[in-house]
C-alpha cells in the first residue's frame, strides 16, 4: 500500500477547456459553498442573524425592484452584445461551458444557488461592513474571468452597485437575490437555446 505524501501534490492553473463537466460543476458548487460559509460566519461575527435575510416583507415591492433591475441589466447586456465584438466581452468560455448543454431545471438550480450564496456574502455581510461602492469593487474582482476586458468588468461593477442600491432601498436581501437569480437564469437560458438553434 502506497503512503500519501503531501509533497507530491502539484498545483497548476487549468483552463476551463481542461475541465470535464463533473469537475466544472464540482468547482462551481464548492466555491459557492465556501462563499456561503464565509458569508454566514461574517454575518454571525457582526452579531446578526442570517435567517433574518429571508424574512418576507409585508409588501412585495422587492420583487418589482429585483425584476426591474434584472430587466435593465438584460436589456443593457443584449444591447452591448449587438455593438461590441464578442472578444471584448469574452469570459474564457466559462458561461458557455456551464450552460450550453444544461437542462433548464439545472440552470434554475445553479442560478438560485449562486444568487443566494453570493448575495449573503456580498450584500448581506460585506456591504453591511464597507458599503456598496467597495463591495462592488470586491464583487468585480472575484469575477476574475471578466477582468481581462474592461467592458464586462465595468458591467459587473455596475450590476453589483445596482444590487446594493436595491437592497438598501427595499431594506431586504431578497431584492438583490431576485435580480441576481433572474439575470443568471435568463442569460443561462439564452446561452442554452442559442446553442441549440445553432
C-alpha atoms as a PDB file:
ATOM      1  CA  UNK A   1       0.000   0.000   0.000  1.00  0.00           C
ATOM      2  CA  UNK A   2       1.378   3.416  -1.024  1.00  0.00           C
ATOM      3  CA  UNK A   3       1.691   6.158   1.550  1.00  0.00           C
ATOM      4  CA  UNK A   4       0.147   9.536   0.886  1.00  0.00           C
ATOM      5  CA  UNK A   5       2.831  12.214   0.606  1.00  0.00           C
ATOM      6  CA  UNK A   6       1.641  15.804   0.637  1.00  0.00           C
ATOM      7  CA  UNK A   7       4.904  16.910  -1.002  1.00  0.00           C
ATOM      8  CA  UNK A   8       3.851  15.155  -4.209  1.00  0.00           C
ATOM      9  CA  UNK A   9       0.770  17.330  -4.654  1.00  0.00           C
ATOM     10  CA  UNK A  10       1.214  19.691  -7.567  1.00  0.00           C
ATOM     11  CA  UNK A  11      -0.979  22.728  -8.110  1.00  0.00           C
ATOM     12  CA  UNK A  12      -1.279  24.274 -11.538  1.00  0.00           C
ATOM     13  CA  UNK A  13      -3.652  26.632 -13.254  1.00  0.00           C
ATOM     14  CA  UNK A  14      -6.051  24.949 -15.672  1.00  0.00           C
ATOM     15  CA  UNK A  15      -8.265  26.440 -18.331  1.00  0.00           C
ATOM     16  CA  UNK A  16     -11.984  25.756 -18.467  1.00  0.00           C
ATOM     17  CA  UNK A  17     -11.395  23.569 -21.531  1.00  0.00           C
ATOM     18  CA  UNK A  18      -9.328  21.155 -19.435  1.00  0.00           C
ATOM     19  CA  UNK A  19     -12.185  20.516 -17.005  1.00  0.00           C
ATOM     20  CA  UNK A  20     -14.795  17.893 -17.712  1.00  0.00           C
ATOM     21  CA  UNK A  21     -18.421  18.664 -16.890  1.00  0.00           C
ATOM     22  CA  UNK A  22     -18.336  16.965 -13.479  1.00  0.00           C
ATOM     23  CA  UNK A  23     -15.234  18.895 -12.427  1.00  0.00           C
ATOM     24  CA  UNK A  24     -16.725  22.170 -13.667  1.00  0.00           C
ATOM     25  CA  UNK A  25     -19.889  21.610 -11.622  1.00  0.00           C
ATOM     26  CA  UNK A  26     -17.898  20.432  -8.584  1.00  0.00           C
ATOM     27  CA  UNK A  27     -15.787  23.589  -8.794  1.00  0.00           C
ATOM     28  CA  UNK A  28     -18.916  25.757  -9.067  1.00  0.00           C
ATOM     29  CA  UNK A  29     -20.733  24.158  -6.136  1.00  0.00           C
ATOM     30  CA  UNK A  30     -17.590  24.053  -3.954  1.00  0.00           C
ATOM     31  CA  UNK A  31     -16.852  27.750  -4.493  1.00  0.00           C
ATOM     32  CA  UNK A  32     -20.481  28.623  -3.765  1.00  0.00           C
ATOM     33  CA  UNK A  33     -20.425  26.534  -0.571  1.00  0.00           C
ATOM     34  CA  UNK A  34     -17.275  28.371   0.557  1.00  0.00           C
ATOM     35  CA  UNK A  35     -18.898  31.700  -0.327  1.00  0.00           C
ATOM     36  CA  UNK A  36     -21.953  30.801   1.751  1.00  0.00           C
ATOM     37  CA  UNK A  37     -19.896  29.636   4.739  1.00  0.00           C
ATOM     38  CA  UNK A  38     -17.739  32.786   4.695  1.00  0.00           C
ATOM     39  CA  UNK A  39     -20.855  34.951   4.380  1.00  0.00           C
ATOM     40  CA  UNK A  40     -22.688  33.279   7.260  1.00  0.00           C
ATOM     41  CA  UNK A  41     -19.620  33.371   9.546  1.00  0.00           C
ATOM     42  CA  UNK A  42     -19.067  37.059   8.708  1.00  0.00           C
ATOM     43  CA  UNK A  43     -22.716  37.888   9.447  1.00  0.00           C
ATOM     44  CA  UNK A  44     -22.532  35.995  12.749  1.00  0.00           C
ATOM     45  CA  UNK A  45     -19.345  37.895  13.669  1.00  0.00           C
ATOM     46  CA  UNK A  46     -21.340  41.083  13.043  1.00  0.00           C
ATOM     47  CA  UNK A  47     -23.762  39.758  15.709  1.00  0.00           C
ATOM     48  CA  UNK A  48     -26.578  39.481  13.177  1.00  0.00           C
ATOM     49  CA  UNK A  49     -28.878  36.583  12.330  1.00  0.00           C
ATOM     50  CA  UNK A  50     -28.536  35.388   8.698  1.00  0.00           C
ATOM     51  CA  UNK A  51     -32.030  33.842   8.863  1.00  0.00           C
ATOM     52  CA  UNK A  52     -33.443  37.381   9.002  1.00  0.00           C
ATOM     53  CA  UNK A  53     -32.322  37.814   5.387  1.00  0.00           C
ATOM     54  CA  UNK A  54     -35.172  35.554   4.330  1.00  0.00           C
ATOM     55  CA  UNK A  55     -37.950  37.282   6.258  1.00  0.00           C
ATOM     56  CA  UNK A  56     -40.504  38.278   3.629  1.00  0.00           C
ATOM     57  CA  UNK A  57     -41.510  41.965   3.918  1.00  0.00           C
ATOM     58  CA  UNK A  58     -45.169  42.942   4.260  1.00  0.00           C
ATOM     59  CA  UNK A  59     -45.206  44.309   0.689  1.00  0.00           C
ATOM     60  CA  UNK A  60     -43.806  42.678  -2.402  1.00  0.00           C
ATOM     61  CA  UNK A  61     -42.088  45.784  -3.791  1.00  0.00           C
ATOM     62  CA  UNK A  62     -38.778  43.957  -3.522  1.00  0.00           C
ATOM     63  CA  UNK A  63     -39.897  41.605  -6.329  1.00  0.00           C
ATOM     64  CA  UNK A  64     -40.596  44.569  -8.626  1.00  0.00           C
ATOM     65  CA  UNK A  65     -37.241  46.165  -7.786  1.00  0.00           C
ATOM     66  CA  UNK A  66     -35.424  42.868  -8.366  1.00  0.00           C
ATOM     67  CA  UNK A  67     -37.231  42.139 -11.634  1.00  0.00           C
ATOM     68  CA  UNK A  68     -36.792  45.740 -12.784  1.00  0.00           C
ATOM     69  CA  UNK A  69     -33.042  45.693 -12.196  1.00  0.00           C
ATOM     70  CA  UNK A  70     -32.788  42.303 -13.911  1.00  0.00           C
ATOM     71  CA  UNK A  71     -34.679  43.650 -16.951  1.00  0.00           C
ATOM     72  CA  UNK A  72     -32.407  46.699 -17.109  1.00  0.00           C
ATOM     73  CA  UNK A  73     -29.280  44.519 -16.907  1.00  0.00           C
ATOM     74  CA  UNK A  74     -30.537  42.106 -19.566  1.00  0.00           C
ATOM     75  CA  UNK A  75     -31.510  44.896 -21.977  1.00  0.00           C
ATOM     76  CA  UNK A  76     -28.130  46.575 -21.494  1.00  0.00           C
ATOM     77  CA  UNK A  77     -26.266  43.280 -21.938  1.00  0.00           C
ATOM     78  CA  UNK A  78     -28.189  42.391 -25.096  1.00  0.00           C
ATOM     79  CA  UNK A  79     -27.582  45.911 -26.425  1.00  0.00           C
ATOM     80  CA  UNK A  80     -23.862  45.647 -25.730  1.00  0.00           C
ATOM     81  CA  UNK A  81     -23.678  42.276 -27.491  1.00  0.00           C
ATOM     82  CA  UNK A  82     -25.054  43.863 -30.673  1.00  0.00           C
ATOM     83  CA  UNK A  83     -22.432  46.618 -30.874  1.00  0.00           C
ATOM     84  CA  UNK A  84     -19.344  45.214 -29.164  1.00  0.00           C
ATOM     85  CA  UNK A  85     -17.207  42.419 -30.647  1.00  0.00           C
ATOM     86  CA  UNK A  86     -17.515  39.090 -28.842  1.00  0.00           C
ATOM     87  CA  UNK A  87     -13.794  39.110 -27.967  1.00  0.00           C
ATOM     88  CA  UNK A  88     -14.298  42.273 -25.867  1.00  0.00           C
ATOM     89  CA  UNK A  89     -16.803  40.508 -23.606  1.00  0.00           C
ATOM     90  CA  UNK A  90     -15.158  37.071 -23.539  1.00  0.00           C
ATOM     91  CA  UNK A  91     -15.212  35.318 -20.151  1.00  0.00           C
ATOM     92  CA  UNK A  92     -12.930  32.496 -21.227  1.00  0.00           C
ATOM     93  CA  UNK A  93     -15.843  30.254 -22.186  1.00  0.00           C
ATOM     94  CA  UNK A  94     -16.971  29.559 -18.610  1.00  0.00           C
ATOM     95  CA  UNK A  95     -20.622  30.550 -19.068  1.00  0.00           C
ATOM     96  CA  UNK A  96     -20.764  28.754 -22.408  1.00  0.00           C
ATOM     97  CA  UNK A  97     -19.433  25.532 -20.873  1.00  0.00           C
ATOM     98  CA  UNK A  98     -21.624  25.868 -17.822  1.00  0.00           C
ATOM     99  CA  UNK A  99     -24.963  26.426 -19.547  1.00  0.00           C
ATOM    100  CA  UNK A 100     -24.843  25.241 -23.160  1.00  0.00           C
ATOM    101  CA  UNK A 101     -25.911  21.612 -22.535  1.00  0.00           C
ATOM    102  CA  UNK A 102     -27.620  22.038 -19.180  1.00  0.00           C
ATOM    103  CA  UNK A 103     -31.348  21.258 -18.739  1.00  0.00           C
ATOM    104  CA  UNK A 104     -33.469  24.279 -17.802  1.00  0.00           C
ATOM    105  CA  UNK A 105     -34.187  22.960 -14.296  1.00  0.00           C
ATOM    106  CA  UNK A 106     -30.435  22.723 -13.630  1.00  0.00           C
ATOM    107  CA  UNK A 107     -29.855  26.250 -14.973  1.00  0.00           C
ATOM    108  CA  UNK A 108     -32.500  27.377 -12.454  1.00  0.00           C
ATOM    109  CA  UNK A 109     -30.792  25.484  -9.599  1.00  0.00           C
ATOM    110  CA  UNK A 110     -27.357  26.900 -10.453  1.00  0.00           C
ATOM    111  CA  UNK A 111     -28.789  30.417 -10.728  1.00  0.00           C
ATOM    112  CA  UNK A 112     -30.586  30.155  -7.384  1.00  0.00           C
ATOM    113  CA  UNK A 113     -27.557  28.711  -5.561  1.00  0.00           C
ATOM    114  CA  UNK A 114     -25.255  31.407  -6.948  1.00  0.00           C
ATOM    115  CA  UNK A 115     -27.749  34.202  -6.199  1.00  0.00           C
ATOM    116  CA  UNK A 116     -28.284  33.151  -2.581  1.00  0.00           C
ATOM    117  CA  UNK A 117     -24.645  32.368  -1.747  1.00  0.00           C
ATOM    118  CA  UNK A 118     -23.121  35.455  -3.367  1.00  0.00           C
ATOM    119  CA  UNK A 119     -25.774  37.852  -2.087  1.00  0.00           C
ATOM    120  CA  UNK A 120     -25.430  36.625   1.502  1.00  0.00           C
ATOM    121  CA  UNK A 121     -21.692  37.271   1.365  1.00  0.00           C
ATOM    122  CA  UNK A 122     -21.576  40.463  -0.685  1.00  0.00           C
ATOM    123  CA  UNK A 123     -24.774  42.343   0.112  1.00  0.00           C
ATOM    124  CA  UNK A 124     -25.550  40.662   3.436  1.00  0.00           C
ATOM    125  CA  UNK A 125     -22.114  40.709   5.068  1.00  0.00           C
ATOM    126  CA  UNK A 126     -19.592  42.816   3.150  1.00  0.00           C
ATOM    127  CA  UNK A 127     -21.891  45.698   2.166  1.00  0.00           C
ATOM    128  CA  UNK A 128     -23.027  45.971   5.789  1.00  0.00           C
ATOM    129  CA  UNK A 129     -19.364  46.450   6.766  1.00  0.00           C
ATOM    130  CA  UNK A 130     -17.937  48.647   3.984  1.00  0.00           C
ATOM    131  CA  UNK A 131     -20.806  49.970   1.865  1.00  0.00           C
ATOM    132  CA  UNK A 132     -21.924  49.341  -1.730  1.00  0.00           C
ATOM    133  CA  UNK A 133     -19.011  51.022  -3.562  1.00  0.00           C
ATOM    134  CA  UNK A 134     -16.176  48.961  -2.075  1.00  0.00           C
ATOM    135  CA  UNK A 135     -18.377  45.859  -2.082  1.00  0.00           C
ATOM    136  CA  UNK A 136     -18.859  46.318  -5.830  1.00  0.00           C
ATOM    137  CA  UNK A 137     -15.096  46.571  -6.363  1.00  0.00           C
ATOM    138  CA  UNK A 138     -14.625  43.277  -4.489  1.00  0.00           C
ATOM    139  CA  UNK A 139     -17.535  41.698  -6.378  1.00  0.00           C
ATOM    140  CA  UNK A 140     -15.960  42.656  -9.721  1.00  0.00           C
ATOM    141  CA  UNK A 141     -12.558  41.377  -8.541  1.00  0.00           C
ATOM    142  CA  UNK A 142     -13.844  37.890  -7.653  1.00  0.00           C
ATOM    143  CA  UNK A 143     -15.389  37.587 -11.097  1.00  0.00           C
ATOM    144  CA  UNK A 144     -11.801  37.249 -12.280  1.00  0.00           C
ATOM    145  CA  UNK A 145     -12.715  35.719 -15.625  1.00  0.00           C
ATOM    146  CA  UNK A 146     -14.046  39.116 -16.705  1.00  0.00           C
ATOM    147  CA  UNK A 147     -11.007  41.140 -15.642  1.00  0.00           C
ATOM    148  CA  UNK A 148      -9.229  40.713 -18.983  1.00  0.00           C
ATOM    149  CA  UNK A 149     -11.686  43.135 -20.608  1.00  0.00           C
ATOM    150  CA  UNK A 150     -12.881  46.477 -19.232  1.00  0.00           C
ATOM    151  CA  UNK A 151     -16.460  46.235 -20.573  1.00  0.00           C
ATOM    152  CA  UNK A 152     -17.529  43.122 -18.611  1.00  0.00           C
ATOM    153  CA  UNK A 153     -15.566  44.314 -15.556  1.00  0.00           C
ATOM    154  CA  UNK A 154     -17.419  47.634 -15.654  1.00  0.00           C
ATOM    155  CA  UNK A 155     -20.724  45.831 -16.138  1.00  0.00           C
ATOM    156  CA  UNK A 156     -20.123  43.523 -13.168  1.00  0.00           C
ATOM    157  CA  UNK A 157     -19.246  46.560 -11.013  1.00  0.00           C
ATOM    158  CA  UNK A 158     -22.389  48.442 -12.144  1.00  0.00           C
ATOM    159  CA  UNK A 159     -24.623  45.401 -11.617  1.00  0.00           C
ATOM    160  CA  UNK A 160     -23.175  44.914  -8.141  1.00  0.00           C
ATOM    161  CA  UNK A 161     -23.756  48.565  -7.292  1.00  0.00           C
ATOM    162  CA  UNK A 162     -27.341  48.233  -8.533  1.00  0.00           C
ATOM    163  CA  UNK A 163     -27.839  45.148  -6.373  1.00  0.00           C
ATOM    164  CA  UNK A 164     -26.515  47.061  -3.376  1.00  0.00           C
ATOM    165  CA  UNK A 165     -28.791  50.012  -4.130  1.00  0.00           C
ATOM    166  CA  UNK A 166     -31.972  47.942  -4.347  1.00  0.00           C
ATOM    167  CA  UNK A 167     -31.093  46.163  -1.119  1.00  0.00           C
ATOM    168  CA  UNK A 168     -30.630  49.483   0.689  1.00  0.00           C
ATOM    169  CA  UNK A 169     -33.788  50.933  -0.890  1.00  0.00           C
ATOM    170  CA  UNK A 170     -36.078  47.962  -0.183  1.00  0.00           C
ATOM    171  CA  UNK A 171     -34.456  47.008   3.126  1.00  0.00           C
ATOM    172  CA  UNK A 172     -34.326  43.322   2.226  1.00  0.00           C
ATOM    173  CA  UNK A 173     -31.706  40.986   0.795  1.00  0.00           C
ATOM    174  CA  UNK A 174     -34.481  39.267  -1.159  1.00  0.00           C
ATOM    175  CA  UNK A 175     -34.486  42.080  -3.759  1.00  0.00           C
ATOM    176  CA  UNK A 176     -30.890  41.504  -4.941  1.00  0.00           C
ATOM    177  CA  UNK A 177     -31.401  37.733  -4.720  1.00  0.00           C
ATOM    178  CA  UNK A 178     -34.387  38.018  -7.102  1.00  0.00           C
ATOM    179  CA  UNK A 179     -32.412  40.240  -9.505  1.00  0.00           C
ATOM    180  CA  UNK A 180     -29.290  38.063  -9.398  1.00  0.00           C
ATOM    181  CA  UNK A 181     -31.318  34.896  -9.960  1.00  0.00           C
ATOM    182  CA  UNK A 182     -33.269  36.338 -12.902  1.00  0.00           C
ATOM    183  CA  UNK A 183     -30.155  37.681 -14.648  1.00  0.00           C
ATOM    184  CA  UNK A 184     -28.241  34.398 -14.299  1.00  0.00           C
ATOM    185  CA  UNK A 185     -31.241  32.225 -15.191  1.00  0.00           C
ATOM    186  CA  UNK A 186     -32.289  34.191 -18.281  1.00  0.00           C
ATOM    187  CA  UNK A 187     -28.714  34.562 -19.555  1.00  0.00           C
ATOM    188  CA  UNK A 188     -28.145  30.846 -18.945  1.00  0.00           C
ATOM    189  CA  UNK A 189     -31.288  30.002 -20.928  1.00  0.00           C
ATOM    190  CA  UNK A 190     -30.211  32.335 -23.747  1.00  0.00           C
ATOM    191  CA  UNK A 191     -26.854  30.544 -23.965  1.00  0.00           C
ATOM    192  CA  UNK A 192     -28.593  27.152 -23.794  1.00  0.00           C
ATOM    193  CA  UNK A 193     -31.175  27.765 -26.510  1.00  0.00           C
ATOM    194  CA  UNK A 194     -28.923  29.869 -28.742  1.00  0.00           C
ATOM    195  CA  UNK A 195     -26.560  26.908 -28.987  1.00  0.00           C
ATOM    196  CA  UNK A 196     -29.467  24.537 -29.581  1.00  0.00           C
ATOM    197  CA  UNK A 197     -30.622  26.637 -32.549  1.00  0.00           C
ATOM    198  CA  UNK A 198     -27.087  26.786 -33.957  1.00  0.00           C
END
